[in-house]
Amino acid sequence: MTDERQEYVDEMVRRRGYVLDYHRVMAAHDLPVLKATDGLVSAAYLDQRLLDRRTKELLFILSLTVMRAERHHITSHIRVALRHGVSAQEILEAIEIALPEAGVVAFQHGFDVWREVVGAEGIDPSPGATDQEGRAN
């Protein structure tokens, strides 16, 4: 049975491009339920239908951002999107859609994950931009 479980996890990685912690643990402890949930994910997400994989990844990144999912879950979809040719800028634009509907806190959660994955850096204020009390001039 262990070989079947390992093979299933390996196949998940090939199909999805990642596995989550719960996938690994479910494979070890309840493979039939993992297979059932994976079937739903395949039908809605992995199987080629009208939406292409790039679009589905952007939707996943946005929905996970809005739900404030765990960082590693958002990270995995950002990495898959990049491998499917989605640009860092396109991913940022998808995350920005969270702003009007879910607010700044949800946006910042996804933004921080995006920034870490793509290595985005910011622009520091010029030395004379603030006065001695830290206020903008």
C-alpha atoms as a PDB file:
ATOM      1  CA  MET A   1       0.000   0.000   0.000  1.00  0.00           C
ATOM      2  CA  THR A   2       2.888   2.393   0.707  1.00  0.00           C
ATOM      3  CA  ASP A   3       4.039   2.220  -2.911  1.00  0.00           C
ATOM      4  CA  GLU A   4       0.538   3.151  -4.133  1.00  0.00           C
ATOM      5  CA  ARG A   5       0.494   6.130  -1.772  1.00  0.00           C
ATOM      6  CA  GLN A   6       3.904   7.333  -2.895  1.00  0.00           C
ATOM      7  CA  GLU A   7       2.970   6.910  -6.545  1.00  0.00           C
ATOM      8  CA  TYR A   8      -0.187   8.946  -5.986  1.00  0.00           C
ATOM      9  CA  VAL A   9       1.700  11.833  -4.363  1.00  0.00           C
ATOM     10  CA  ASP A  10       4.267  11.772  -7.163  1.00  0.00           C
ATOM     11  CA  GLU A  11       1.498  11.825  -9.769  1.00  0.00           C
ATOM     12  CA  MET A  12      -0.144  14.775  -8.001  1.00  0.00           C
ATOM     13  CA  VAL A  13       3.110  16.732  -8.282  1.00  0.00           C
ATOM     14  CA  ARG A  14       3.326  15.944 -11.998  1.00  0.00           C
ATOM     15  CA  ARG A  15      -0.286  17.037 -12.649  1.00  0.00           C
ATOM     16  CA  ARG A  16      -0.434  20.065 -10.341  1.00  0.00           C
ATOM     17  CA  GLY A  17       3.143  21.234 -10.126  1.00  0.00           C
ATOM     18  CA  TYR A  18       3.013  21.088  -6.309  1.00  0.00           C
ATOM     19  CA  VAL A  19       1.555  19.214  -3.332  1.00  0.00           C
ATOM     20  CA  LEU A  20       0.414  20.734  -0.081  1.00  0.00           C
ATOM     21  CA  ASP A  21       1.142  19.391   3.392  1.00  0.00           C
ATOM     22  CA  TYR A  22      -2.378  18.063   3.757  1.00  0.00           C
ATOM     23  CA  HIS A  23      -1.988  16.098   0.504  1.00  0.00           C
ATOM     24  CA  ARG A  24       1.090  14.338   1.858  1.00  0.00           C
ATOM     25  CA  VAL A  25      -0.525  13.502   5.199  1.00  0.00           C
ATOM     26  CA  MET A  26      -3.814  12.382   3.629  1.00  0.00           C
ATOM     27  CA  ALA A  27      -1.889  10.114   1.262  1.00  0.00           C
ATOM     28  CA  ALA A  28      -0.337   8.409   4.272  1.00  0.00           C
ATOM     29  CA  HIS A  29      -3.515   8.176   6.339  1.00  0.00           C
ATOM     30  CA  ASP A  30      -6.598   8.216   4.091  1.00  0.00           C
ATOM     31  CA  LEU A  31      -5.773   7.725   0.431  1.00  0.00           C
ATOM     32  CA  PRO A  32      -9.399   7.105  -0.678  1.00  0.00           C
ATOM     33  CA  VAL A  33     -10.541  10.517   0.633  1.00  0.00           C
ATOM     34  CA  LEU A  34      -7.506  12.215  -0.898  1.00  0.00           C
ATOM     35  CA  LYS A  35      -8.351  10.615  -4.235  1.00  0.00           C
ATOM     36  CA  ALA A  36     -11.964  11.803  -3.941  1.00  0.00           C
ATOM     37  CA  THR A  37     -11.005  15.409  -3.163  1.00  0.00           C
ATOM     38  CA  ASP A  38      -8.321  15.337  -5.830  1.00  0.00           C
ATOM     39  CA  GLY A  39     -10.963  14.236  -8.336  1.00  0.00           C
ATOM     40  CA  LEU A  40     -12.995  17.358  -7.610  1.00  0.00           C
ATOM     41  CA  VAL A  41      -9.915  19.554  -7.956  1.00  0.00           C
ATOM     42  CA  SER A  42      -9.063  17.858 -11.252  1.00  0.00           C
ATOM     43  CA  ALA A  43     -12.555  18.428 -12.645  1.00  0.00           C
ATOM     44  CA  ALA A  44     -12.704  22.094 -11.599  1.00  0.00           C
ATOM     45  CA  TYR A  45      -9.066  23.136 -11.956  1.00  0.00           C
ATOM     46  CA  LEU A  46      -6.693  20.744 -13.687  1.00  0.00           C
ATOM     47  CA  ASP A  47      -8.775  19.361 -16.536  1.00  0.00           C
ATOM     48  CA  GLN A  48      -8.652  21.446 -19.697  1.00  0.00           C
ATOM     49  CA  ARG A  49     -12.004  23.076 -20.242  1.00  0.00           C
ATOM     50  CA  LEU A  50     -12.756  26.602 -21.453  1.00  0.00           C
ATOM     51  CA  LEU A  51     -10.391  28.457 -19.092  1.00  0.00           C
ATOM     52  CA  ASP A  52      -6.698  27.874 -19.681  1.00  0.00           C
ATOM     53  CA  ARG A  53      -4.282  27.014 -16.873  1.00  0.00           C
ATOM     54  CA  ARG A  54      -2.847  30.565 -16.775  1.00  0.00           C
ATOM     55  CA  THR A  55      -6.288  32.032 -16.104  1.00  0.00           C
ATOM     56  CA  LYS A  56      -7.101  29.378 -13.510  1.00  0.00           C
ATOM     57  CA  GLU A  57      -3.848  30.095 -11.657  1.00  0.00           C
ATOM     58  CA  LEU A  58      -4.627  33.820 -11.557  1.00  0.00           C
ATOM     59  CA  LEU A  59      -8.098  33.057 -10.215  1.00  0.00           C
ATOM     60  CA  PHE A  60      -6.637  30.725  -7.611  1.00  0.00           C
ATOM     61  CA  ILE A  61      -4.087  33.332  -6.512  1.00  0.00           C
ATOM     62  CA  LEU A  62      -6.806  35.958  -6.188  1.00  0.00           C
ATOM     63  CA  SER A  63      -9.227  33.713  -4.306  1.00  0.00           C
ATOM     64  CA  LEU A  64      -6.519  32.477  -1.942  1.00  0.00           C
ATOM     65  CA  THR A  65      -5.479  36.092  -1.326  1.00  0.00           C
ATOM     66  CA  VAL A  66      -9.048  37.129  -0.519  1.00  0.00           C
ATOM     67  CA  MET A  67      -9.408  34.159   1.853  1.00  0.00           C
ATOM     68  CA  ARG A  68      -6.017  34.976   3.407  1.00  0.00           C
ATOM     69  CA  ALA A  69      -4.864  31.427   2.827  1.00  0.00           C
ATOM     70  CA  GLU A  70      -1.591  30.196   4.230  1.00  0.00           C
ATOM     71  CA  ARG A  71       1.469  31.707   2.580  1.00  0.00           C
ATOM     72  CA  HIS A  72       2.751  28.389   1.254  1.00  0.00           C
ATOM     73  CA  HIS A  73      -0.553  27.762  -0.535  1.00  0.00           C
ATOM     74  CA  ILE A  74      -0.459  31.128  -2.326  1.00  0.00           C
ATOM     75  CA  THR A  75       3.260  30.648  -3.005  1.00  0.00           C
ATOM     76  CA  SER A  76       2.648  27.314  -4.709  1.00  0.00           C
ATOM     77  CA  HIS A  77       0.126  28.847  -7.117  1.00  0.00           C
ATOM     78  CA  ILE A  78       2.326  31.863  -7.862  1.00  0.00           C
ATOM     79  CA  ARG A  79       5.184  29.534  -8.751  1.00  0.00           C
ATOM     80  CA  VAL A  80       2.956  27.381 -10.967  1.00  0.00           C
ATOM     81  CA  ALA A  81       1.611  30.512 -12.682  1.00  0.00           C
ATOM     82  CA  LEU A  82       5.148  31.703 -13.384  1.00  0.00           C
ATOM     83  CA  ARG A  83       6.024  28.289 -14.843  1.00  0.00           C
ATOM     84  CA  HIS A  84       2.970  28.575 -17.116  1.00  0.00           C
ATOM     85  CA  GLY A  85       4.230  31.879 -18.484  1.00  0.00           C
ATOM     86  CA  VAL A  86       2.218  34.306 -16.363  1.00  0.00           C
ATOM     87  CA  SER A  87       4.309  37.405 -15.706  1.00  0.00           C
ATOM     88  CA  ALA A  88       4.970  38.780 -12.233  1.00  0.00           C
ATOM     89  CA  GLN A  89       3.066  41.920 -13.276  1.00  0.00           C
ATOM     90  CA  GLU A  90      -0.001  39.906 -14.335  1.00  0.00           C
ATOM     91  CA  ILE A  91       0.015  38.135 -10.967  1.00  0.00           C
ATOM     92  CA  LEU A  92       0.257  41.475  -9.163  1.00  0.00           C
ATOM     93  CA  GLU A  93      -2.706  42.803 -11.154  1.00  0.00           C
ATOM     94  CA  ALA A  94      -4.755  39.750 -10.154  1.00  0.00           C
ATOM     95  CA  ILE A  95      -3.875  40.292  -6.481  1.00  0.00           C
ATOM     96  CA  GLU A  96      -4.790  43.984  -6.790  1.00  0.00           C
ATOM     97  CA  ILE A  97      -8.361  42.964  -7.647  1.00  0.00           C
ATOM     98  CA  ALA A  98      -8.664  42.023  -3.961  1.00  0.00           C
ATOM     99  CA  LEU A  99      -8.440  45.710  -2.986  1.00  0.00           C
ATOM    100  CA  PRO A 100     -11.977  46.902  -3.810  1.00  0.00           C
ATOM    101  CA  GLU A 101     -13.727  43.704  -2.713  1.00  0.00           C
ATOM    102  CA  ALA A 102     -11.706  42.374   0.228  1.00  0.00           C
ATOM    103  CA  GLY A 103      -9.726  45.410   1.368  1.00  0.00           C
ATOM    104  CA  VAL A 104      -6.167  46.397   2.065  1.00  0.00           C
ATOM    105  CA  VAL A 105      -5.470  43.704   4.670  1.00  0.00           C
ATOM    106  CA  ALA A 106      -6.336  40.862   2.283  1.00  0.00           C
ATOM    107  CA  PHE A 107      -4.423  42.567  -0.529  1.00  0.00           C
ATOM    108  CA  GLN A 108      -1.322  43.043   1.649  1.00  0.00           C
ATOM    109  CA  HIS A 109      -1.363  39.353   2.566  1.00  0.00           C
ATOM    110  CA  GLY A 110      -1.231  38.269  -1.067  1.00  0.00           C
ATOM    111  CA  PHE A 111       1.096  41.110  -2.004  1.00  0.00           C
ATOM    112  CA  ASP A 112       3.652  40.091   0.631  1.00  0.00           C
ATOM    113  CA  VAL A 113       3.675  36.527  -0.690  1.00  0.00           C
ATOM    114  CA  TRP A 114       4.014  37.776  -4.295  1.00  0.00           C
ATOM    115  CA  ARG A 115       6.852  40.148  -3.339  1.00  0.00           C
ATOM    116  CA  GLU A 116       8.751  37.339  -1.642  1.00  0.00           C
ATOM    117  CA  VAL A 117       8.298  34.863  -4.515  1.00  0.00           C
ATOM    118  CA  VAL A 118       9.236  37.249  -7.334  1.00  0.00           C
ATOM    119  CA  GLY A 119      11.879  39.179  -5.375  1.00  0.00           C
ATOM    120  CA  ALA A 120      10.195  42.561  -5.900  1.00  0.00           C
ATOM    121  CA  GLU A 121      11.958  45.493  -4.273  1.00  0.00           C
ATOM    122  CA  GLY A 122      10.670  48.951  -3.464  1.00  0.00           C
ATOM    123  CA  ILE A 123      11.926  52.507  -3.724  1.00  0.00           C
ATOM    124  CA  ASP A 124      13.179  54.118  -0.522  1.00  0.00           C
ATOM    125  CA  PRO A 125      12.378  57.781   0.168  1.00  0.00           C
ATOM    126  CA  SER A 126      15.164  60.246  -0.559  1.00  0.00           C
ATOM    127  CA  PRO A 127      17.129  61.340   2.523  1.00  0.00           C
ATOM    128  CA  GLY A 128      15.594  64.833   2.457  1.00  0.00           C
ATOM    129  CA  ALA A 129      12.006  63.646   1.942  1.00  0.00           C
ATOM    130  CA  THR A 130      11.193  63.753   5.683  1.00  0.00           C
ATOM    131  CA  ASP A 131      11.872  66.359   8.332  1.00  0.00           C
ATOM    132  CA  GLN A 132      13.474  65.593  11.695  1.00  0.00           C
ATOM    133  CA  GLU A 133      10.151  64.390  13.131  1.00  0.00           C
ATOM    134  CA  GLY A 134       9.568  61.953  10.283  1.00  0.00           C
ATOM    135  CA  ARG A 135       6.946  63.999   8.435  1.00  0.00           C
ATOM    136  CA  ALA A 136       7.003  64.429   4.700  1.00  0.00           C
ATOM    137  CA  ASN A 137       8.302  67.810   3.546  1.00  0.00           C
END
